[in-house]
Structure formats: C-alpha cells, structure tokens
C-alpha cells in the first residue's frame, strides 16, 4: 500500500486525536478511582476498639457517623486484619446496627473475627464501609426514658428501659442497641434486644431489656450509649 503526504497528515491527526481520547479515558478512570476511595470518608469512625470476648473471639467494634448530606443505606462494615509485615490475614464484614442512616446520625458496628487460629498473628487492622445513598431522609423519632441498669449475682449486666414511638407511623421490628464502655470510655461490646412489643404503634410506649451475657464485660461496664433501629 502506497501512502501520500495527505494520507500521512490524516493518519498523524488521527493518532493525535486517538492519544488524546485514550489520555482522557485514563484520567477519567483515575478520577473515578479517587472518587471511590474518597467515598470511604462518608462514614467517619468516632470510636473503635478491638476486643476479645469470653469465647476468645476478637471483635472490631466501633461507632461511625454519616458525614455527608445524604441518607445512606445497605451499610456494611468490612474489617481487614493484618499480620507481620502488613500481610493480609483476612477480611470479615457485618451490616451496621442502625440503617438507613440520615446525615450526622451515628451507628454502632460489631465485626466478629471468626477464625480464632489467627488470634496470635494479628498485628494491625482496618475498617472500611460500603453503602448506597439516597436523597430522601428516613424519619425516626423516639424517646428513650426510664432507663436503669443492674448486675446480677453471676456478673451478668442488664440495661432496661422504656421507649416511646413519637411518630405518626408504626415502628416495626424495633431494636434498642447498647454500646457499653469501661471507666476509661473504651468500648467493650455491642449488645441489643427487641422491644416488647417489637411493633410500636404511633405515640405508644414499649419496654426493653438488653442482657450483656459476657460477664467479663459486665464487671467492667461504667457507661453505655443507646441507639434505636427499626424497619
């Protein structure tokens, strides 16, 4: 095939445009990747602790806050554990306790590390989140009142109280979640219980009792924070 100077000019122009298009695609891909990484900042970790329960399982527990001006749902916390030289040992995930999550709302999470054979190898860990966003807010309006706590003779700890649904709609499958802390405000565990009744009619009140069945934690509890989730 014989090329003329005109053909060569056309081909060079095509190559330049092709290279420009490829560069733009690469730049867009890079921006997408950066956007994906930055989306992890949408949930801000307020507190986090790795603890071991009475059955020798490690837990990555924490409290995260929705840090964007959108409602987020289908929220999963993914914990990754690392060994010596930052070698990845595994990843574990769980759905967070409060969902959907409106802007600035908080949710606890409790990621259980199910492989106890890795306990002695864990040197470090990280937590990230996946979720969907929505422009509409999920209305929640509850009043938790008449709260008390006690320990029994076996060292088990109970948090009891009453909760009023102050919305004009029924609250289905209502859960009260407690994050328990020691005297130094370090997280010990995340515990929860359904209300009785668990479907609360508008402007009605239900009771709840959250048992902390790990008596190693029960003996150390100095404070707790309560959250509500429903569907």
Protein backbone atom coordinates (compact mmCIF):
# COMPACT_ATOMS: atom_id res chain seq x y z
CA UNK A 1 0.00 0.00 0.00
CA UNK A 2 1.36 3.46 -1.00
CA UNK A 3 0.80 6.44 1.34
CA UNK A 4 0.71 10.05 0.10
CA UNK A 5 1.70 13.08 2.22
CA UNK A 6 -2.00 13.87 2.58
CA UNK A 7 -2.64 10.34 3.81
CA UNK A 8 0.19 10.71 6.31
CA UNK A 9 -1.19 14.01 7.62
CA UNK A 10 -4.64 12.41 8.08
CA UNK A 11 -3.10 9.42 9.87
CA UNK A 12 -0.98 11.62 12.17
CA UNK A 13 -4.04 13.72 13.01
CA UNK A 14 -6.00 10.54 13.78
CA UNK A 15 -3.21 9.23 16.00
CA UNK A 16 -3.06 12.51 17.93
CA UNK A 17 -6.83 12.50 18.49
CA UNK A 18 -6.70 8.84 19.48
CA UNK A 19 -3.95 9.50 22.01
CA UNK A 20 -5.94 12.45 23.40
CA UNK A 21 -9.04 10.26 23.78
CA UNK A 22 -7.03 7.50 25.48
CA UNK A 23 -5.48 10.07 27.86
CA UNK A 24 -8.93 11.42 28.71
CA UNK A 25 -10.21 7.90 29.39
CA UNK A 26 -7.23 7.19 31.66
CA UNK A 27 -7.78 10.47 33.52
CA UNK A 28 -11.48 9.72 33.97
CA UNK A 29 -10.61 6.27 35.24
CA UNK A 30 -8.19 7.77 37.73
CA UNK A 31 -10.77 10.32 38.89
CA UNK A 32 -13.31 7.52 39.32
CA UNK A 33 -10.84 5.53 41.40
CA UNK A 34 -10.07 8.57 43.58
CA UNK A 35 -13.79 9.25 43.98
CA UNK A 36 -14.31 5.65 45.05
CA UNK A 37 -11.52 5.92 47.63
CA UNK A 38 -12.79 9.25 48.96
CA UNK A 39 -16.30 7.82 49.35
CA UNK A 40 -14.98 5.91 52.37
CA UNK A 41 -14.76 9.27 54.15
CA UNK A 42 -18.56 9.47 54.00
CA UNK A 43 -18.69 7.41 57.20
CA UNK A 44 -16.45 8.83 59.89
CA UNK A 45 -15.29 6.46 62.65
CA UNK A 46 -15.89 8.14 66.02
CA UNK A 47 -14.71 5.30 68.29
CA UNK A 48 -13.14 1.95 67.51
CA UNK A 49 -11.68 -0.86 69.56
CA UNK A 50 -10.55 -4.45 69.05
CA UNK A 51 -11.71 -6.61 71.96
CA UNK A 52 -11.76 -10.30 72.79
CA UNK A 53 -14.92 -11.93 74.17
CA UNK A 54 -15.18 -14.71 76.76
CA UNK A 55 -15.14 -17.31 73.96
CA UNK A 56 -11.79 -15.99 72.66
CA UNK A 57 -13.24 -14.40 69.50
CA UNK A 58 -11.88 -10.99 68.53
CA UNK A 59 -14.37 -8.21 67.69
CA UNK A 60 -13.74 -4.99 65.79
CA UNK A 61 -16.34 -2.74 67.39
CA UNK A 62 -16.96 0.93 66.80
CA UNK A 63 -19.29 3.85 66.24
CA UNK A 64 -19.45 5.60 62.85
CA UNK A 65 -21.17 8.82 61.76
CA UNK A 66 -22.79 9.63 58.41
CA UNK A 67 -20.58 12.50 57.26
CA UNK A 68 -22.41 13.51 54.06
CA UNK A 69 -25.63 15.40 53.33
CA UNK A 70 -27.44 12.30 52.06
CA UNK A 71 -29.19 9.33 53.65
CA UNK A 72 -27.20 6.11 53.32
CA UNK A 73 -28.46 2.52 53.46
CA UNK A 74 -27.33 -1.07 52.90
CA UNK A 75 -24.32 -0.16 55.04
CA UNK A 76 -21.71 -2.83 55.66
CA UNK A 77 -18.57 -2.53 57.78
CA UNK A 78 -15.66 -4.55 56.41
CA UNK A 79 -12.77 -5.28 58.73
CA UNK A 80 -9.40 -6.42 57.42
CA UNK A 81 -6.75 -7.89 59.73
CA UNK A 82 -3.01 -7.90 59.08
CA UNK A 83 -0.09 -9.88 60.43
CA UNK A 84 3.65 -9.33 60.47
CA UNK A 85 4.99 -7.11 57.64
CA UNK A 86 1.42 -5.97 56.99
CA UNK A 87 0.50 -9.35 55.49
CA UNK A 88 -3.26 -9.60 54.97
CA UNK A 89 -4.77 -12.38 57.06
CA UNK A 90 -8.42 -11.98 56.07
CA UNK A 91 -11.50 -9.79 55.81
CA UNK A 92 -14.78 -10.02 57.73
CA UNK A 93 -17.96 -8.00 57.31
CA UNK A 94 -21.25 -7.19 59.00
CA UNK A 95 -24.21 -4.89 58.49
CA UNK A 96 -24.14 -1.89 60.82
CA UNK A 97 -26.73 -1.72 63.59
CA UNK A 98 -28.64 1.45 62.56
CA UNK A 99 -29.87 1.76 58.97
CA UNK A 100 -30.84 3.76 57.00
CA UNK A 101 -28.62 6.48 58.43
CA UNK A 102 -29.56 10.13 58.00
CA UNK A 103 -26.91 12.90 57.83
CA UNK A 104 -24.89 13.20 61.09
CA UNK A 105 -26.59 10.15 62.63
CA UNK A 106 -24.48 7.54 64.40
CA UNK A 107 -24.42 3.76 64.19
CA UNK A 108 -22.53 1.06 66.11
CA UNK A 109 -20.95 -1.91 64.34
CA UNK A 110 -19.54 -5.21 65.56
CA UNK A 111 -17.30 -7.18 63.19
CA UNK A 112 -16.54 -10.66 64.52
CA UNK A 113 -13.22 -12.29 63.55
CA UNK A 114 -14.43 -15.88 63.29
CA UNK A 115 -11.06 -17.58 62.79
CA UNK A 116 -9.57 -17.90 66.28
CA UNK A 117 -6.48 -19.61 64.81
CA UNK A 118 -5.39 -16.16 63.62
CA UNK A 119 -5.62 -14.51 67.04
CA UNK A 120 -1.90 -14.63 67.81
CA UNK A 121 -0.97 -13.45 64.31
CA UNK A 122 -2.98 -10.19 64.31
CA UNK A 123 -0.75 -7.12 64.41
CA UNK A 124 -2.97 -4.47 62.83
CA UNK A 125 -6.43 -3.90 61.36
CA UNK A 126 -8.52 -1.51 59.27
CA UNK A 127 -12.23 -0.87 58.69
CA UNK A 128 -13.98 0.44 55.58
CA UNK A 129 -17.66 0.75 54.61
CA UNK A 130 -19.86 0.08 51.60
CA UNK A 131 -23.31 1.66 51.20
CA UNK A 132 -25.93 3.17 48.89
CA UNK A 133 -27.05 6.81 49.01
CA UNK A 134 -30.49 8.41 48.82
CA UNK A 135 -31.77 12.00 48.75
CA UNK A 136 -34.80 11.19 50.95
CA UNK A 137 -34.43 11.05 54.73
CA UNK A 138 -35.62 8.15 56.87
CA UNK A 139 -37.81 9.64 59.60
CA UNK A 140 -37.10 8.42 63.14
CA UNK A 141 -38.45 9.97 66.30
CA UNK A 142 -38.12 8.01 69.54
CA UNK A 143 -37.89 8.98 73.17
CA UNK A 144 -35.91 6.59 75.39
CA UNK A 145 -36.76 7.14 79.04
CA UNK A 146 -36.97 5.38 82.43
CA UNK A 147 -33.60 3.67 81.86
CA UNK A 148 -31.86 1.67 84.59
CA UNK A 149 -29.11 -0.95 84.77
CA UNK A 150 -28.04 -3.65 87.18
CA UNK A 151 -25.72 -6.62 87.62
CA UNK A 152 -26.92 -9.97 88.92
CA UNK A 153 -25.08 -12.36 91.25
CA UNK A 154 -23.42 -14.13 88.29
CA UNK A 155 -21.95 -10.92 86.93
CA UNK A 156 -24.36 -10.53 84.02
CA UNK A 157 -25.36 -6.94 83.28
CA UNK A 158 -28.84 -5.79 82.24
CA UNK A 159 -29.95 -2.48 80.72
CA UNK A 160 -33.70 -1.91 80.94
CA UNK A 161 -35.96 0.95 79.97
CA UNK A 162 -38.94 2.21 78.05
CA UNK A 163 -39.15 3.75 74.60
CA UNK A 164 -41.92 5.84 73.05
CA UNK A 165 -42.62 5.99 69.33
CA UNK A 166 -43.30 9.69 68.73
CA UNK A 167 -44.01 9.26 65.01
CA UNK A 168 -47.42 9.11 63.31
CA UNK A 169 -46.42 5.76 61.73
CA UNK A 170 -45.92 2.35 63.32
CA UNK A 171 -42.37 1.34 64.17
CA UNK A 172 -41.82 -2.25 63.04
CA UNK A 173 -39.20 -4.65 64.40
CA UNK A 174 -37.89 -2.08 66.87
CA UNK A 175 -34.43 -2.78 68.31
CA UNK A 176 -32.57 -0.96 71.06
CA UNK A 177 -28.79 -1.26 70.76
CA UNK A 178 -26.26 -0.53 73.51
CA UNK A 179 -22.57 0.20 73.18
CA UNK A 180 -21.01 -0.47 76.58
CA UNK A 181 -17.82 1.21 77.84
CA UNK A 182 -15.40 0.93 80.72
CA UNK A 183 -14.34 3.71 83.10
CA UNK A 184 -11.81 4.98 80.52
CA UNK A 185 -14.56 5.27 77.86
CA UNK A 186 -13.09 2.35 75.89
CA UNK A 187 -15.65 0.28 74.03
CA UNK A 188 -16.27 -3.19 75.46
CA UNK A 189 -19.09 -4.53 73.28
CA UNK A 190 -22.27 -4.00 71.29
CA UNK A 191 -25.48 -5.59 72.58
CA UNK A 192 -29.11 -5.35 71.51
CA UNK A 193 -32.65 -6.54 72.19
CA UNK A 194 -36.09 -6.17 70.63
CA UNK A 195 -38.66 -4.04 72.36
CA UNK A 196 -41.79 -5.60 73.86
CA UNK A 197 -43.90 -5.27 71.80
CA UNK A 198 -41.45 -5.03 68.91
CA UNK A 199 -44.02 -3.28 66.68
CA UNK A 200 -44.78 0.01 68.44
CA UNK A 201 -47.93 1.88 67.45
CA UNK A 202 -47.80 5.66 66.93
CA UNK A 203 -47.34 7.60 70.21
CA UNK A 204 -47.21 4.32 72.16
CA UNK A 205 -44.59 3.03 74.58
CA UNK A 206 -42.74 -0.29 74.75
CA UNK A 207 -40.23 -1.77 77.19
CA UNK A 208 -36.82 -3.34 76.58
CA UNK A 209 -34.13 -5.24 78.44
CA UNK A 210 -30.68 -5.70 76.93
CA UNK A 211 -28.67 -8.52 78.53
CA UNK A 212 -24.86 -8.32 78.44
CA UNK A 213 -24.17 -12.05 78.60
CA UNK A 214 -20.36 -11.77 78.65
CA UNK A 215 -19.75 -11.37 82.37
CA UNK A 216 -16.13 -10.35 81.71
CA UNK A 217 -17.62 -7.20 80.21
CA UNK A 218 -20.40 -6.92 82.78
CA UNK A 219 -17.91 -6.47 85.59
CA UNK A 220 -16.16 -3.61 83.76
CA UNK A 221 -19.13 -1.57 82.46
CA UNK A 222 -19.09 2.04 83.66
CA UNK A 223 -21.23 3.67 80.97
CA UNK A 224 -23.30 2.92 77.89
CA UNK A 225 -24.99 4.65 74.92
CA UNK A 226 -28.32 3.58 73.43
CA UNK A 227 -29.39 3.59 69.77
CA UNK A 228 -32.66 2.61 68.04
CA UNK A 229 -33.20 0.76 64.77
CA UNK A 230 -36.48 -0.21 63.13
CA UNK A 231 -37.97 -1.11 59.76
